[in-house]
């Protein structure tokens, strides 16, 4: 088994995103896993993806990452994010629970209606 040299733990997910290509077009893709430093992305054809591009993670474009392609397969690419965002600006796809989160606070009694 090979050693994982990633700087951050990848979280598995399946999320639709868009790549902003140099010609001004948006190209749909799917994130398969993501960390604070990079992601694995499924694409129709990895040959059309430039070495650097902007990955849009939200429909309004506020959550985005500048990416650099690290490896290519015919339908997948691995990217590193060019610069980490400051903590207050970080947009994540996978929520993190606070240490003091208590799921019991959401338990509610079922009340039957008359």
Protein backbone atom coordinates (compact mmCIF):
# COMPACT_ATOMS: atom_id res chain seq x y z
CA UNK A 1 0.00 0.00 0.00
CA UNK A 2 1.36 3.44 -0.90
CA UNK A 3 1.89 6.18 1.63
CA UNK A 4 -0.57 9.09 1.52
CA UNK A 5 1.46 12.30 1.21
CA UNK A 6 -1.45 14.71 1.35
CA UNK A 7 -1.13 17.72 3.63
CA UNK A 8 -4.80 17.57 4.70
CA UNK A 9 -7.35 14.80 5.14
CA UNK A 10 -9.71 14.38 2.21
CA UNK A 11 -13.42 14.04 2.93
CA UNK A 12 -15.47 11.89 0.56
CA UNK A 13 -18.44 13.61 -1.03
CA UNK A 14 -20.39 13.86 -4.26
CA UNK A 15 -21.02 17.49 -5.12
CA UNK A 16 -21.73 19.30 -8.38
CA UNK A 17 -19.40 22.21 -9.15
CA UNK A 18 -18.30 24.25 -12.17
CA UNK A 19 -14.94 25.05 -13.70
CA UNK A 20 -14.47 28.52 -15.16
CA UNK A 21 -12.48 27.87 -18.34
CA UNK A 22 -10.30 30.41 -20.15
CA UNK A 23 -12.81 30.91 -22.96
CA UNK A 24 -15.35 32.24 -20.44
CA UNK A 25 -17.49 29.12 -20.42
CA UNK A 26 -18.50 27.18 -17.34
CA UNK A 27 -17.97 23.42 -17.48
CA UNK A 28 -19.81 21.15 -15.04
CA UNK A 29 -17.92 18.65 -12.94
CA UNK A 30 -18.34 16.56 -9.80
CA UNK A 31 -16.19 16.66 -6.68
CA UNK A 32 -15.52 13.19 -5.30
CA UNK A 33 -13.39 14.18 -2.37
CA UNK A 34 -12.04 17.43 -1.05
CA UNK A 35 -9.76 18.82 1.62
CA UNK A 36 -8.55 22.27 2.58
CA UNK A 37 -5.63 21.86 0.14
CA UNK A 38 -7.09 20.03 -2.88
CA UNK A 39 -9.70 17.81 -4.49
CA UNK A 40 -10.39 14.92 -6.85
CA UNK A 41 -12.75 15.98 -9.63
CA UNK A 42 -14.64 13.95 -12.22
CA UNK A 43 -14.91 15.55 -15.68
CA UNK A 44 -16.17 14.45 -19.10
CA UNK A 45 -12.74 14.86 -20.68
CA UNK A 46 -9.66 15.86 -18.71
CA UNK A 47 -7.91 17.06 -21.89
CA UNK A 48 -10.13 20.17 -22.08
CA UNK A 49 -9.21 21.29 -18.55
CA UNK A 50 -6.39 23.85 -18.47
CA UNK A 51 -3.50 23.46 -16.01
CA UNK A 52 -4.94 26.31 -13.91
CA UNK A 53 -8.59 27.28 -13.50
CA UNK A 54 -11.14 28.58 -11.00
CA UNK A 55 -13.46 26.03 -9.41
CA UNK A 56 -16.87 27.48 -8.51
CA UNK A 57 -18.44 25.64 -5.59
CA UNK A 58 -21.69 27.59 -5.38
CA UNK A 59 -24.26 28.85 -7.83
CA UNK A 60 -23.58 32.48 -6.94
CA UNK A 61 -19.80 32.08 -7.31
CA UNK A 62 -18.98 33.23 -3.77
CA UNK A 63 -17.42 29.89 -2.82
CA UNK A 64 -14.53 29.32 -5.21
CA UNK A 65 -10.97 28.04 -5.34
CA UNK A 66 -8.06 28.72 -7.68
CA UNK A 67 -6.84 25.28 -8.77
CA UNK A 68 -3.72 23.79 -10.27
CA UNK A 69 -3.95 20.35 -11.90
CA UNK A 70 -1.56 17.90 -10.24
CA UNK A 71 -2.53 14.74 -12.15
CA UNK A 72 -4.87 13.64 -14.96
CA UNK A 73 -6.73 10.51 -15.89
CA UNK A 74 -9.16 10.37 -18.86
CA UNK A 75 -12.20 11.33 -16.70
CA UNK A 76 -10.63 12.58 -13.46
CA UNK A 77 -8.19 15.22 -12.31
CA UNK A 78 -6.48 15.86 -9.02
CA UNK A 79 -6.05 19.51 -8.11
CA UNK A 80 -4.31 21.50 -5.44
CA UNK A 81 -5.76 24.78 -4.27
CA UNK A 82 -3.33 27.57 -5.06
CA UNK A 83 -3.69 29.37 -1.76
CA UNK A 84 -5.58 28.56 1.39
CA UNK A 85 -8.32 30.95 2.41
CA UNK A 86 -8.26 32.79 5.72
CA UNK A 87 -10.33 31.02 8.38
CA UNK A 88 -13.07 33.65 8.32
CA UNK A 89 -13.38 33.44 4.52
CA UNK A 90 -13.32 29.66 4.30
CA UNK A 91 -16.37 28.16 2.62
CA UNK A 92 -16.75 24.48 3.26
CA UNK A 93 -18.97 21.82 1.78
CA UNK A 94 -18.76 19.46 4.73
CA UNK A 95 -20.04 21.00 7.96
CA UNK A 96 -18.05 20.60 11.16
CA UNK A 97 -19.82 20.24 14.46
CA UNK A 98 -18.77 22.31 17.45
CA UNK A 99 -17.20 20.40 20.32
CA UNK A 100 -20.14 21.34 22.54
CA UNK A 101 -22.77 20.14 20.02
CA UNK A 102 -25.42 18.04 21.75
CA UNK A 103 -27.70 16.13 19.35
CA UNK A 104 -30.10 15.48 22.25
CA UNK A 105 -31.13 19.12 22.15
CA UNK A 106 -32.91 18.36 18.88
CA UNK A 107 -34.93 15.44 20.24
CA UNK A 108 -38.58 16.37 20.27
CA UNK A 109 -41.55 14.58 21.61
CA UNK A 110 -44.02 13.44 19.00
CA UNK A 111 -47.40 14.95 19.70
CA UNK A 112 -50.39 13.38 18.03
CA UNK A 113 -52.88 15.80 16.64
CA UNK A 114 -56.54 15.35 17.60
